Amino acid sequence: MRPEFWHDRWHAGQIGFHQAQADKNLTRHWQDLHLGQGSRVFVPLCGKSVDLLWLRDRGHPVIGVELSAIALEAFCMENGVPARRRTTQDFEVYDAPNLELLCGDYFALSPAQLGNVAGVFDRAALISWTPELRVPYVEHLAKLIPPGTETLLVTLEYPQTQTAGPPFSVPSAEVARLYAGGYAIRELSRQDVISTEPRMRGRGVTELLEVCYRLTRLS
């Protein structure tokens, strides 16, 4: 999607993708990545997700990147996060203890800016990209993270013909196509969630699976 699409969604408050509680896949499966306390974690397209706080509370320095300043300012205000704001060449940066939020274009992010991360949590990034942008997204991420980095990836599977995304359906074959060769892929869980998703039912979706993967970056 073009940046203007997401700016418009945040301006209009059309953020049905936001969750008031930490994501259940995160709380259930994060331990499966076996990351130690103090391991730096990256959350791409983080929005104002409280998952950032959940990860920080478990001892992880967290860095997120987000296009919308509205999202990051709302995150700080709603959660009482005392962030300092500074400007770099490509980003407006919100700094708080063990939390660094970058406002700007994900594709402008460099390995030096990201730092030495050991983990990635992707609940909202991959499923937000149109099909033609998924390969660039995954390729750029591979340039940012070192071998051995663990990713907890959450996707959705539903009949794409029933509604236009985002969020988009990303079936397991697509995950394999995108990540095979560069990652070891392990499916952790697959759950039918259509009964708990009135927003998607209202869009005409009749089947909805939430799938969680562990991806290990290979050398």
N, C-alpha and C. Protein backbone atom coordinates (compact mmCIF):
# COMPACT_ATOMS: atom_id res chain seq x y z
N MET A 1 0.84 -1.19 0.00
CA MET A 1 0.00 0.00 0.00
C MET A 1 0.88 1.24 0.00
N ARG A 2 0.42 2.30 -0.64
CA ARG A 2 1.17 3.55 -0.65
C ARG A 2 1.18 4.16 0.74
N PRO A 3 2.24 4.93 1.08
CA PRO A 3 2.28 5.56 2.41
C PRO A 3 1.04 6.39 2.72
N GLU A 4 0.48 7.03 1.70
CA GLU A 4 -0.70 7.87 1.92
C GLU A 4 -1.87 7.06 2.48
N PHE A 5 -1.96 5.80 2.08
CA PHE A 5 -3.05 4.94 2.56
C PHE A 5 -2.98 4.82 4.08
N TRP A 6 -1.78 4.55 4.60
CA TRP A 6 -1.64 4.36 6.04
C TRP A 6 -1.75 5.67 6.80
N HIS A 7 -1.22 6.75 6.22
CA HIS A 7 -1.41 8.06 6.86
C HIS A 7 -2.90 8.38 6.98
N ASP A 8 -3.65 8.11 5.91
CA ASP A 8 -5.10 8.39 5.94
C ASP A 8 -5.80 7.52 6.98
N ARG A 9 -5.40 6.26 7.10
CA ARG A 9 -6.03 5.37 8.08
C ARG A 9 -5.81 5.88 9.50
N TRP A 10 -4.59 6.31 9.79
CA TRP A 10 -4.31 6.81 11.14
C TRP A 10 -5.00 8.14 11.39
N HIS A 11 -5.04 9.01 10.41
CA HIS A 11 -5.74 10.29 10.56
C HIS A 11 -7.22 10.07 10.83
N ALA A 12 -7.81 9.08 10.15
CA ALA A 12 -9.24 8.81 10.29
C ALA A 12 -9.55 7.91 11.48
N GLY A 13 -8.52 7.42 12.16
CA GLY A 13 -8.75 6.51 13.28
C GLY A 13 -9.24 5.14 12.85
N GLN A 14 -8.98 4.75 11.59
CA GLN A 14 -9.41 3.45 11.09
C GLN A 14 -8.30 2.43 11.38
N ILE A 15 -8.25 2.02 12.64
CA ILE A 15 -7.15 1.16 13.09
C ILE A 15 -7.71 -0.09 13.77
N GLY A 16 -8.60 -0.76 13.06
CA GLY A 16 -9.18 -1.99 13.58
C GLY A 16 -8.16 -3.06 13.82
N PHE A 17 -6.98 -2.91 13.22
CA PHE A 17 -5.91 -3.89 13.41
C PHE A 17 -5.24 -3.74 14.77
N HIS A 18 -5.47 -2.61 15.46
CA HIS A 18 -4.82 -2.40 16.76
C HIS A 18 -5.45 -3.28 17.82
N GLN A 19 -4.63 -3.85 18.71
CA GLN A 19 -5.10 -4.69 19.80
C GLN A 19 -4.80 -4.01 21.13
N ALA A 20 -5.79 -4.02 22.02
CA ALA A 20 -5.62 -3.35 23.31
C ALA A 20 -4.75 -4.16 24.27
N GLN A 21 -4.62 -5.46 24.02
CA GLN A 21 -3.81 -6.33 24.85
C GLN A 21 -2.66 -6.91 24.03
N ALA A 22 -1.66 -7.42 24.72
CA ALA A 22 -0.55 -8.07 24.02
C ALA A 22 -1.08 -9.23 23.19
N ASP A 23 -0.49 -9.42 22.02
CA ASP A 23 -0.95 -10.44 21.10
C ASP A 23 -0.82 -11.83 21.73
N LYS A 24 -1.86 -12.65 21.57
CA LYS A 24 -1.86 -13.97 22.22
C LYS A 24 -0.80 -14.89 21.63
N ASN A 25 -0.45 -14.73 20.36
CA ASN A 25 0.63 -15.53 19.79
C ASN A 25 1.97 -15.15 20.41
N LEU A 26 2.13 -13.87 20.69
CA LEU A 26 3.35 -13.40 21.33
C LEU A 26 3.48 -13.98 22.73
N THR A 27 2.42 -13.89 23.51
CA THR A 27 2.50 -14.36 24.89
C THR A 27 2.61 -15.88 24.96
N ARG A 28 2.07 -16.58 23.97
CA ARG A 28 2.10 -18.05 23.98
C ARG A 28 3.41 -18.61 23.43
N HIS A 29 3.96 -17.97 22.41
CA HIS A 29 5.06 -18.59 21.67
C HIS A 29 6.40 -17.87 21.77
N TRP A 30 6.46 -16.71 22.41
CA TRP A 30 7.74 -16.01 22.45
C TRP A 30 8.83 -16.86 23.07
N GLN A 31 8.47 -17.63 24.08
CA GLN A 31 9.46 -18.48 24.75
C GLN A 31 10.05 -19.53 23.81
N ASP A 32 9.33 -19.85 22.72
CA ASP A 32 9.83 -20.84 21.77
C ASP A 32 11.05 -20.35 20.98
N LEU A 33 11.32 -19.05 21.04
CA LEU A 33 12.49 -18.51 20.35
C LEU A 33 13.76 -18.63 21.19
N HIS A 34 13.59 -18.87 22.48
CA HIS A 34 14.73 -19.11 23.39
C HIS A 34 15.73 -17.94 23.37
N LEU A 35 15.21 -16.73 23.42
CA LEU A 35 16.07 -15.55 23.48
C LEU A 35 16.32 -15.17 24.94
N GLY A 36 17.57 -14.82 25.25
CA GLY A 36 17.89 -14.44 26.60
C GLY A 36 17.47 -13.02 26.92
N GLN A 37 17.36 -12.73 28.21
CA GLN A 37 17.10 -11.36 28.64
C GLN A 37 18.24 -10.47 28.14
N GLY A 38 17.87 -9.28 27.73
CA GLY A 38 18.85 -8.36 27.19
C GLY A 38 19.02 -8.45 25.69
N SER A 39 18.38 -9.45 25.05
CA SER A 39 18.44 -9.57 23.60
C SER A 39 17.60 -8.47 22.96
N ARG A 40 18.18 -7.78 21.99
CA ARG A 40 17.50 -6.66 21.33
C ARG A 40 16.48 -7.21 20.33
N VAL A 41 15.28 -6.61 20.33
CA VAL A 41 14.17 -7.10 19.51
C VAL A 41 13.66 -5.99 18.60
N PHE A 42 13.39 -6.36 17.35
CA PHE A 42 12.88 -5.43 16.34
C PHE A 42 11.42 -5.73 16.04
N VAL A 43 10.59 -4.68 16.03
CA VAL A 43 9.18 -4.81 15.68
C VAL A 43 8.90 -3.92 14.47
N PRO A 44 8.84 -4.49 13.27
CA PRO A 44 8.57 -3.67 12.08
C PRO A 44 7.10 -3.29 11.99
N LEU A 45 6.85 -2.06 11.49
CA LEU A 45 5.50 -1.53 11.34
C LEU A 45 4.72 -1.69 12.64
N CYS A 46 5.29 -1.12 13.71
CA CYS A 46 4.82 -1.40 15.07
C CYS A 46 3.53 -0.67 15.44
N GLY A 47 3.15 0.39 14.71
CA GLY A 47 1.96 1.14 15.10
C GLY A 47 2.08 1.65 16.52
N LYS A 48 1.00 1.51 17.28
CA LYS A 48 1.03 1.88 18.71
C LYS A 48 0.85 0.63 19.57
N SER A 49 1.39 -0.47 19.09
CA SER A 49 1.15 -1.77 19.71
C SER A 49 1.70 -1.85 21.13
N VAL A 50 0.88 -2.40 22.03
CA VAL A 50 1.34 -2.64 23.40
C VAL A 50 2.27 -3.84 23.46
N ASP A 51 2.42 -4.56 22.35
CA ASP A 51 3.41 -5.63 22.30
C ASP A 51 4.81 -5.09 22.57
N LEU A 52 5.06 -3.84 22.22
CA LEU A 52 6.35 -3.21 22.50
C LEU A 52 6.64 -3.22 24.00
N LEU A 53 5.63 -2.89 24.79
CA LEU A 53 5.79 -2.86 26.24
C LEU A 53 5.92 -4.26 26.81
N TRP A 54 5.15 -5.19 26.27
CA TRP A 54 5.23 -6.57 26.74
C TRP A 54 6.65 -7.11 26.57
N LEU A 55 7.24 -6.85 25.41
CA LEU A 55 8.61 -7.31 25.15
C LEU A 55 9.61 -6.60 26.07
N ARG A 56 9.44 -5.30 26.24
CA ARG A 56 10.35 -4.56 27.11
C ARG A 56 10.26 -5.06 28.55
N ASP A 57 9.04 -5.36 28.99
CA ASP A 57 8.86 -5.83 30.36
C ASP A 57 9.51 -7.19 30.61
N ARG A 58 9.82 -7.90 29.54
CA ARG A 58 10.50 -9.19 29.67
C ARG A 58 12.01 -9.06 29.50
N GLY A 59 12.51 -7.83 29.61
CA GLY A 59 13.94 -7.62 29.63
C GLY A 59 14.60 -7.36 28.29
N HIS A 60 13.79 -7.10 27.25
CA HIS A 60 14.35 -6.87 25.93
C HIS A 60 14.43 -5.37 25.61
N PRO A 61 15.58 -4.85 25.22
CA PRO A 61 15.60 -3.55 24.56
C PRO A 61 14.86 -3.68 23.22
N VAL A 62 13.92 -2.79 22.95
CA VAL A 62 13.04 -2.94 21.79
C VAL A 62 13.21 -1.74 20.86
N ILE A 63 13.28 -2.04 19.55
CA ILE A 63 13.29 -1.00 18.54
C ILE A 63 12.15 -1.27 17.56
N GLY A 64 11.36 -0.24 17.29
CA GLY A 64 10.25 -0.37 16.34
C GLY A 64 10.37 0.68 15.26
N VAL A 65 9.82 0.38 14.09
CA VAL A 65 9.75 1.35 13.02
C VAL A 65 8.31 1.48 12.58
N GLU A 66 7.87 2.71 12.33
CA GLU A 66 6.48 3.00 12.01
C GLU A 66 6.41 4.24 11.14
N LEU A 67 5.53 4.21 10.14
CA LEU A 67 5.41 5.33 9.21
C LEU A 67 4.69 6.53 9.82
N SER A 68 3.74 6.26 10.70
CA SER A 68 2.84 7.31 11.19
C SER A 68 3.30 7.91 12.52
N ALA A 69 3.53 9.22 12.52
CA ALA A 69 3.83 9.91 13.78
C ALA A 69 2.63 9.89 14.72
N ILE A 70 1.42 9.90 14.16
CA ILE A 70 0.21 9.83 15.00
C ILE A 70 0.24 8.56 15.85
N ALA A 71 0.64 7.45 15.24
CA ALA A 71 0.69 6.18 15.95
C ALA A 71 1.68 6.23 17.11
N LEU A 72 2.87 6.74 16.85
CA LEU A 72 3.91 6.74 17.88
C LEU A 72 3.60 7.73 18.99
N GLU A 73 3.05 8.89 18.63
CA GLU A 73 2.68 9.85 19.67
C GLU A 73 1.54 9.32 20.52
N ALA A 74 0.60 8.61 19.88
CA ALA A 74 -0.50 8.00 20.65
C ALA A 74 0.03 6.92 21.58
N PHE A 75 0.99 6.13 21.09
CA PHE A 75 1.58 5.10 21.93
C PHE A 75 2.19 5.70 23.19
N CYS A 76 2.97 6.74 23.02
CA CYS A 76 3.63 7.37 24.17
C CYS A 76 2.61 7.97 25.14
N MET A 77 1.61 8.65 24.60
CA MET A 77 0.61 9.32 25.44
C MET A 77 -0.26 8.30 26.17
N GLU A 78 -0.75 7.31 25.46
CA GLU A 78 -1.70 6.35 26.05
C GLU A 78 -1.04 5.44 27.09
N ASN A 79 0.28 5.25 26.96
CA ASN A 79 0.97 4.34 27.87
C ASN A 79 1.89 5.04 28.85
N GLY A 80 1.85 6.37 28.86
CA GLY A 80 2.67 7.14 29.79
C GLY A 80 4.16 6.92 29.58
N VAL A 81 4.57 6.79 28.33
CA VAL A 81 5.98 6.57 28.02
C VAL A 81 6.67 7.92 27.84
N PRO A 82 7.64 8.25 28.68
CA PRO A 82 8.30 9.56 28.61
C PRO A 82 9.42 9.56 27.56
N ALA A 83 9.03 9.69 26.30
CA ALA A 83 10.01 9.60 25.22
C ALA A 83 10.59 10.96 24.88
N ARG A 84 11.89 10.97 24.63
CA ARG A 84 12.55 12.14 24.07
C ARG A 84 12.56 12.01 22.55
N ARG A 85 12.39 13.14 21.89
CA ARG A 85 12.32 13.11 20.43
C ARG A 85 13.57 13.75 19.85
N ARG A 86 14.14 13.07 18.85
CA ARG A 86 15.30 13.62 18.14
C ARG A 86 15.16 13.31 16.66
N THR A 87 15.93 14.01 15.85
CA THR A 87 15.84 13.87 14.39
C THR A 87 17.14 13.35 13.82
N THR A 88 17.04 12.33 12.96
CA THR A 88 18.18 11.86 12.20
C THR A 88 17.92 12.15 10.73
N GLN A 89 18.81 11.70 9.89
CA GLN A 89 18.66 11.98 8.46
C GLN A 89 17.36 11.40 7.88
N ASP A 90 17.00 10.20 8.32
CA ASP A 90 15.84 9.52 7.72
C ASP A 90 14.65 9.35 8.67
N PHE A 91 14.83 9.60 9.97
CA PHE A 91 13.79 9.28 10.92
C PHE A 91 13.64 10.35 12.00
N GLU A 92 12.41 10.46 12.50
CA GLU A 92 12.16 11.09 13.78
C GLU A 92 12.19 9.96 14.81
N VAL A 93 12.99 10.11 15.83
CA VAL A 93 13.22 9.02 16.77
C VAL A 93 12.65 9.39 18.14
N TYR A 94 11.88 8.48 18.71
CA TYR A 94 11.33 8.62 20.05
C TYR A 94 12.11 7.68 20.97
N ASP A 95 12.87 8.25 21.89
CA ASP A 95 13.72 7.47 22.79
C ASP A 95 13.11 7.41 24.18
N ALA A 96 13.05 6.19 24.74
CA ALA A 96 12.63 5.98 26.12
C ALA A 96 13.50 4.85 26.65
N PRO A 97 13.51 4.63 27.96
CA PRO A 97 14.33 3.55 28.51
C PRO A 97 14.03 2.21 27.84
N ASN A 98 15.06 1.61 27.25
CA ASN A 98 14.96 0.31 26.57
C ASN A 98 13.92 0.29 25.46
N LEU A 99 13.66 1.44 24.88
CA LEU A 99 12.66 1.53 23.81
C LEU A 99 13.06 2.64 22.84
N GLU A 100 13.17 2.28 21.57
CA GLU A 100 13.54 3.24 20.51
C GLU A 100 12.55 3.07 19.37
N LEU A 101 11.80 4.13 19.07
CA LEU A 101 10.77 4.09 18.04
C LEU A 101 11.15 5.04 16.92
N LEU A 102 11.26 4.51 15.71
CA LEU A 102 11.69 5.28 14.55
C LEU A 102 10.48 5.57 13.67
N CYS A 103 10.24 6.85 13.42
CA CYS A 103 9.14 7.25 12.57
C CYS A 103 9.68 7.56 11.18
N GLY A 104 9.28 6.74 10.21
CA GLY A 104 9.76 6.94 8.85
C GLY A 104 9.57 5.68 8.02
N ASP A 105 10.27 5.65 6.89
CA ASP A 105 10.13 4.59 5.90
C ASP A 105 10.97 3.37 6.30
N TYR A 106 10.31 2.24 6.45
CA TYR A 106 11.01 0.99 6.76
C TYR A 106 12.18 0.75 5.82
N PHE A 107 12.00 1.05 4.53
CA PHE A 107 13.04 0.75 3.54
C PHE A 107 14.24 1.68 3.65
N ALA A 108 14.13 2.72 4.46
CA ALA A 108 15.27 3.60 4.70
C ALA A 108 16.12 3.13 5.88
N LEU A 109 15.66 2.11 6.58
CA LEU A 109 16.35 1.62 7.75
C LEU A 109 17.62 0.86 7.35
N SER A 110 18.71 1.14 8.05
CA SER A 110 20.00 0.50 7.77
C SER A 110 20.38 -0.42 8.93
N PRO A 111 21.29 -1.38 8.69
CA PRO A 111 21.75 -2.23 9.80
C PRO A 111 22.36 -1.43 10.93
N ALA A 112 23.07 -0.34 10.62
CA ALA A 112 23.69 0.47 11.66
C ALA A 112 22.62 1.11 12.55
N GLN A 113 21.51 1.57 11.95
CA GLN A 113 20.44 2.16 12.74
C GLN A 113 19.70 1.12 13.57
N LEU A 114 19.54 -0.07 13.01
CA LEU A 114 18.79 -1.11 13.71
C LEU A 114 19.59 -1.68 14.88
N GLY A 115 20.89 -1.79 14.71
CA GLY A 115 21.71 -2.37 15.76
C GLY A 115 21.70 -3.89 15.70
N ASN A 116 22.34 -4.50 16.66
CA ASN A 116 22.51 -5.95 16.67
C ASN A 116 21.30 -6.62 17.31
N VAL A 117 20.28 -6.87 16.52
CA VAL A 117 19.07 -7.50 17.05
C VAL A 117 19.22 -9.01 17.06
N ALA A 118 18.55 -9.63 18.02
CA ALA A 118 18.54 -11.09 18.11
C ALA A 118 17.16 -11.66 17.80
N GLY A 119 16.12 -10.80 17.84
CA GLY A 119 14.77 -11.28 17.61
C GLY A 119 13.94 -10.26 16.86
N VAL A 120 12.93 -10.76 16.16
CA VAL A 120 11.97 -9.94 15.41
C VAL A 120 10.57 -10.44 15.74
N PHE A 121 9.66 -9.51 15.97
CA PHE A 121 8.25 -9.88 16.12
C PHE A 121 7.45 -9.20 15.03
N ASP A 122 6.88 -10.00 14.14
CA ASP A 122 6.12 -9.49 12.99
C ASP A 122 4.69 -10.00 13.09
N ARG A 123 3.83 -9.17 13.67
CA ARG A 123 2.40 -9.49 13.69
C ARG A 123 1.64 -8.74 12.61
N ALA A 124 2.13 -7.55 12.25
CA ALA A 124 1.34 -6.67 11.39
C ALA A 124 2.05 -6.27 10.10
N ALA A 125 3.31 -6.62 9.94
CA ALA A 125 4.07 -6.12 8.79
C ALA A 125 3.81 -6.93 7.53
N LEU A 126 4.15 -8.23 7.54
CA LEU A 126 4.02 -9.02 6.32
C LEU A 126 2.60 -8.99 5.78
N ILE A 127 1.60 -9.11 6.65
CA ILE A 127 0.21 -9.17 6.18
C ILE A 127 -0.32 -7.81 5.74
N SER A 128 0.48 -6.75 5.93
CA SER A 128 0.04 -5.43 5.49
C SER A 128 0.52 -5.09 4.07
N TRP A 129 1.50 -5.84 3.58
CA TRP A 129 2.07 -5.54 2.26
C TRP A 129 1.26 -6.20 1.16
N THR A 130 1.07 -5.48 0.06
CA THR A 130 0.50 -6.08 -1.14
C THR A 130 1.47 -7.13 -1.67
N PRO A 131 1.00 -8.09 -2.47
CA PRO A 131 1.88 -9.17 -2.93
C PRO A 131 3.17 -8.69 -3.58
N GLU A 132 3.11 -7.62 -4.35
CA GLU A 132 4.32 -7.17 -5.06
C GLU A 132 5.35 -6.55 -4.12
N LEU A 133 4.96 -6.19 -2.91
CA LEU A 133 5.90 -5.58 -1.96
C LEU A 133 6.43 -6.56 -0.93
N ARG A 134 5.93 -7.78 -0.93
CA ARG A 134 6.37 -8.73 0.09
C ARG A 134 7.82 -9.15 -0.11
N VAL A 135 8.20 -9.41 -1.35
CA VAL A 135 9.60 -9.80 -1.61
C VAL A 135 10.56 -8.67 -1.22
N PRO A 136 10.33 -7.41 -1.63
CA PRO A 136 11.21 -6.34 -1.16
C PRO A 136 11.26 -6.21 0.36
N TYR A 137 10.11 -6.41 1.01
CA TYR A 137 10.09 -6.34 2.48
C TYR A 137 10.99 -7.41 3.08
N VAL A 138 10.84 -8.65 2.63
CA VAL A 138 11.62 -9.76 3.19
C VAL A 138 13.09 -9.61 2.83
N GLU A 139 13.38 -9.17 1.61
CA GLU A 139 14.78 -9.00 1.21
C GLU A 139 15.46 -7.92 2.03
N HIS A 140 14.74 -6.84 2.30
CA HIS A 140 15.34 -5.77 3.09
C HIS A 140 15.57 -6.23 4.53
N LEU A 141 14.62 -6.97 5.07
CA LEU A 141 14.79 -7.48 6.43
C LEU A 141 16.01 -8.39 6.52
N ALA A 142 16.22 -9.20 5.50
CA ALA A 142 17.37 -10.11 5.50
C ALA A 142 18.69 -9.34 5.51
N LYS A 143 18.70 -8.14 4.95
CA LYS A 143 19.90 -7.31 4.97
C LYS A 143 20.12 -6.66 6.34
N LEU A 144 19.06 -6.57 7.12
CA LEU A 144 19.13 -5.85 8.39
C LEU A 144 19.54 -6.73 9.56
N ILE A 145 19.20 -8.01 9.50
CA ILE A 145 19.38 -8.86 10.68
C ILE A 145 20.49 -9.88 10.45
N PRO A 146 21.24 -10.22 11.48
CA PRO A 146 22.36 -11.16 11.33
C PRO A 146 21.89 -12.61 11.34
N PRO A 147 22.74 -13.53 10.86
CA PRO A 147 22.43 -14.95 10.97
C PRO A 147 22.16 -15.33 12.42
N GLY A 148 21.22 -16.25 12.59
CA GLY A 148 20.85 -16.68 13.93
C GLY A 148 19.68 -15.91 14.52
N THR A 149 19.31 -14.79 13.91
CA THR A 149 18.17 -14.01 14.41
C THR A 149 16.89 -14.84 14.33
N GLU A 150 16.13 -14.80 15.40
CA GLU A 150 14.86 -15.53 15.47
C GLU A 150 13.69 -14.57 15.24
N THR A 151 12.73 -15.00 14.42
CA THR A 151 11.54 -14.20 14.14
C THR A 151 10.29 -14.96 14.54
N LEU A 152 9.40 -14.29 15.25
CA LEU A 152 8.06 -14.82 15.48
C LEU A 152 7.14 -14.10 14.50
N LEU A 153 6.62 -14.85 13.53
CA LEU A 153 5.80 -14.30 12.46
C LEU A 153 4.37 -14.77 12.61
N VAL A 154 3.43 -13.84 12.52
CA VAL A 154 2.01 -14.16 12.57
C VAL A 154 1.39 -13.79 11.22
N THR A 155 0.67 -14.73 10.62
CA THR A 155 -0.01 -14.47 9.35
C THR A 155 -1.49 -14.81 9.47
N LEU A 156 -2.24 -14.40 8.46
CA LEU A 156 -3.65 -14.76 8.33
C LEU A 156 -3.84 -15.53 7.04
N GLU A 157 -4.76 -16.48 7.07
CA GLU A 157 -5.16 -17.21 5.86
C GLU A 157 -6.67 -17.15 5.73
N TYR A 158 -7.15 -16.64 4.60
CA TYR A 158 -8.58 -16.59 4.33
C TYR A 158 -8.77 -16.50 2.82
N PRO A 159 -9.98 -16.74 2.31
CA PRO A 159 -10.19 -16.62 0.86
C PRO A 159 -10.04 -15.16 0.42
N GLN A 160 -8.94 -14.86 -0.25
CA GLN A 160 -8.66 -13.47 -0.60
C GLN A 160 -9.72 -12.88 -1.52
N THR A 161 -10.43 -13.73 -2.24
CA THR A 161 -11.49 -13.25 -3.13
C THR A 161 -12.67 -12.68 -2.37
N GLN A 162 -12.77 -12.98 -1.06
CA GLN A 162 -13.92 -12.51 -0.29
C GLN A 162 -13.80 -11.06 0.14
N THR A 163 -12.60 -10.55 0.23
CA THR A 163 -12.40 -9.15 0.59
C THR A 163 -11.00 -8.72 0.19
N ALA A 164 -10.85 -7.44 -0.06
CA ALA A 164 -9.52 -6.90 -0.34
C ALA A 164 -8.81 -6.63 0.98
N GLY A 165 -7.50 -6.78 0.98
CA GLY A 165 -6.74 -6.42 2.17
C GLY A 165 -6.48 -4.93 2.19
N PRO A 166 -5.76 -4.46 3.17
CA PRO A 166 -5.15 -5.22 4.26
C PRO A 166 -6.14 -5.47 5.41
N PRO A 167 -5.85 -6.44 6.29
CA PRO A 167 -4.72 -7.37 6.19
C PRO A 167 -4.94 -8.37 5.08
N PHE A 168 -3.84 -8.81 4.47
CA PHE A 168 -3.90 -9.74 3.36
C PHE A 168 -3.73 -11.17 3.84
N SER A 169 -4.29 -12.09 3.07
CA SER A 169 -4.05 -13.50 3.30
C SER A 169 -2.66 -13.87 2.79
N VAL A 170 -1.89 -14.53 3.66
CA VAL A 170 -0.55 -15.00 3.27
C VAL A 170 -0.48 -16.49 3.61
N PRO A 171 -0.83 -17.36 2.66
CA PRO A 171 -0.85 -18.80 2.95
C PRO A 171 0.54 -19.37 3.18
N SER A 172 0.58 -20.58 3.71
CA SER A 172 1.85 -21.21 4.07
C SER A 172 2.76 -21.38 2.86
N ALA A 173 2.19 -21.63 1.69
CA ALA A 173 3.02 -21.75 0.48
C ALA A 173 3.73 -20.44 0.17
N GLU A 174 3.06 -19.33 0.44
CA GLU A 174 3.67 -18.02 0.23
C GLU A 174 4.78 -17.75 1.25
N VAL A 175 4.55 -18.15 2.49
CA VAL A 175 5.60 -18.02 3.50
C VAL A 175 6.83 -18.82 3.09
N ALA A 176 6.62 -20.04 2.61
CA ALA A 176 7.73 -20.87 2.16
C ALA A 176 8.45 -20.23 0.99
N ARG A 177 7.70 -19.67 0.05
CA ARG A 177 8.32 -19.03 -1.11
C ARG A 177 9.16 -17.81 -0.71
N LEU A 178 8.67 -17.05 0.24
CA LEU A 178 9.34 -15.82 0.64
C LEU A 178 10.59 -16.08 1.48
N TYR A 179 10.52 -17.09 2.35
CA TYR A 179 11.58 -17.26 3.36
C TYR A 179 12.48 -18.47 3.12
N ALA A 180 12.06 -19.41 2.29
CA ALA A 180 12.87 -20.61 2.07
C ALA A 180 14.22 -20.21 1.48
N GLY A 181 15.27 -20.88 1.93
CA GLY A 181 16.62 -20.56 1.47
C GLY A 181 17.36 -19.67 2.43
N GLY A 182 16.66 -18.69 2.99
CA GLY A 182 17.30 -17.79 3.93
C GLY A 182 16.96 -18.06 5.38
N TYR A 183 15.95 -18.91 5.60
CA TYR A 183 15.47 -19.16 6.96
C TYR A 183 15.09 -20.63 7.12
N ALA A 184 15.23 -21.11 8.34
CA ALA A 184 14.57 -22.34 8.73
C ALA A 184 13.17 -21.97 9.21
N ILE A 185 12.17 -22.67 8.70
CA ILE A 185 10.77 -22.31 8.95
C ILE A 185 10.10 -23.42 9.76
N ARG A 186 9.47 -23.03 10.85
CA ARG A 186 8.73 -23.99 11.66
C ARG A 186 7.37 -23.40 12.01
N GLU A 187 6.31 -24.09 11.66
CA GLU A 187 4.97 -23.65 12.05
C GLU A 187 4.72 -24.03 13.50
N LEU A 188 4.33 -23.05 14.30
CA LEU A 188 4.11 -23.27 15.73
C LEU A 188 2.65 -23.53 16.07
N SER A 189 1.74 -22.84 15.38
CA SER A 189 0.31 -23.03 15.67
C SER A 189 -0.51 -22.54 14.50
N ARG A 190 -1.73 -23.07 14.45
CA ARG A 190 -2.70 -22.71 13.41
C ARG A 190 -4.07 -22.75 14.06
N GLN A 191 -4.74 -21.60 14.10
CA GLN A 191 -6.00 -21.52 14.83
C GLN A 191 -7.09 -20.88 13.99
N ASP A 192 -8.29 -21.44 14.08
CA ASP A 192 -9.47 -20.86 13.46
C ASP A 192 -9.97 -19.73 14.36
N VAL A 193 -9.94 -18.49 13.86
CA VAL A 193 -10.30 -17.33 14.70
C VAL A 193 -11.48 -16.54 14.15
N ILE A 194 -12.19 -17.09 13.18
CA ILE A 194 -13.27 -16.33 12.55
C ILE A 194 -14.34 -15.94 13.56
N SER A 195 -14.58 -16.76 14.57
CA SER A 195 -15.63 -16.46 15.54
C SER A 195 -15.29 -15.26 16.42
N THR A 196 -14.00 -14.91 16.50
CA THR A 196 -13.58 -13.79 17.35
C THR A 196 -13.23 -12.55 16.53
N GLU A 197 -13.54 -12.57 15.24
CA GLU A 197 -13.17 -11.46 14.36
C GLU A 197 -14.40 -10.89 13.65
N PRO A 198 -15.26 -10.15 14.37
CA PRO A 198 -16.47 -9.59 13.74
C PRO A 198 -16.15 -8.62 12.61
N ARG A 199 -15.02 -7.94 12.71
CA ARG A 199 -14.65 -7.00 11.64
C ARG A 199 -14.44 -7.72 10.32
N MET A 200 -13.77 -8.87 10.35
CA MET A 200 -13.54 -9.64 9.12
C MET A 200 -14.83 -10.30 8.66
N ARG A 201 -15.65 -10.78 9.59
CA ARG A 201 -16.94 -11.35 9.19
C ARG A 201 -17.80 -10.30 8.51
N GLY A 202 -17.73 -9.08 9.02
CA GLY A 202 -18.49 -8.00 8.41
C GLY A 202 -18.04 -7.65 7.01
N ARG A 203 -16.83 -8.02 6.67
CA ARG A 203 -16.31 -7.80 5.32
C ARG A 203 -16.60 -8.98 4.39
N GLY A 204 -17.31 -9.96 4.92
CA GLY A 204 -17.70 -11.10 4.08
C GLY A 204 -16.80 -12.31 4.18
N VAL A 205 -15.84 -12.30 5.10
CA VAL A 205 -14.92 -13.42 5.24
C VAL A 205 -15.61 -14.55 6.01
N THR A 206 -15.56 -15.75 5.45
CA THR A 206 -16.24 -16.90 6.06
C THR A 206 -15.27 -17.86 6.75
N GLU A 207 -13.99 -17.79 6.40
CA GLU A 207 -12.98 -18.65 7.01
C GLU A 207 -11.76 -17.79 7.31
N LEU A 208 -11.21 -17.94 8.51
CA LEU A 208 -10.04 -17.14 8.89
C LEU A 208 -9.16 -17.95 9.84
N LEU A 209 -7.94 -18.20 9.40
CA LEU A 209 -6.95 -18.89 10.22
C LEU A 209 -5.84 -17.92 10.59
N GLU A 210 -5.38 -18.03 11.82
CA GLU A 210 -4.22 -17.28 12.29
C GLU A 210 -3.10 -18.29 12.48
N VAL A 211 -1.98 -18.03 11.81
CA VAL A 211 -0.88 -18.99 11.80
C VAL A 211 0.37 -18.32 12.35
N CYS A 212 1.08 -19.02 13.22
CA CYS A 212 2.27 -18.48 13.85
C CYS A 212 3.48 -19.35 13.47
N TYR A 213 4.57 -18.69 13.08
CA TYR A 213 5.78 -19.37 12.65
C TYR A 213 6.99 -18.91 13.47
N ARG A 214 7.94 -19.81 13.60
CA ARG A 214 9.28 -19.46 14.05
C ARG A 214 10.21 -19.52 12.84
N LEU A 215 10.88 -18.39 12.56
CA LEU A 215 11.82 -18.31 11.45
C LEU A 215 13.21 -18.06 12.01
N THR A 216 14.16 -18.88 11.63
CA THR A 216 15.54 -18.72 12.08
C THR A 216 16.40 -18.31 10.89
N ARG A 217 17.01 -17.15 10.98
CA ARG A 217 17.86 -16.64 9.88
C ARG A 217 19.10 -17.49 9.74
N LEU A 218 19.33 -17.99 8.53
CA LEU A 218 20.47 -18.84 8.27
C LEU A 218 21.68 -18.00 7.85
N SER A 219 22.85 -18.59 7.90
CA SER A 219 24.08 -17.87 7.52
C SER A 219 24.20 -17.78 6.00
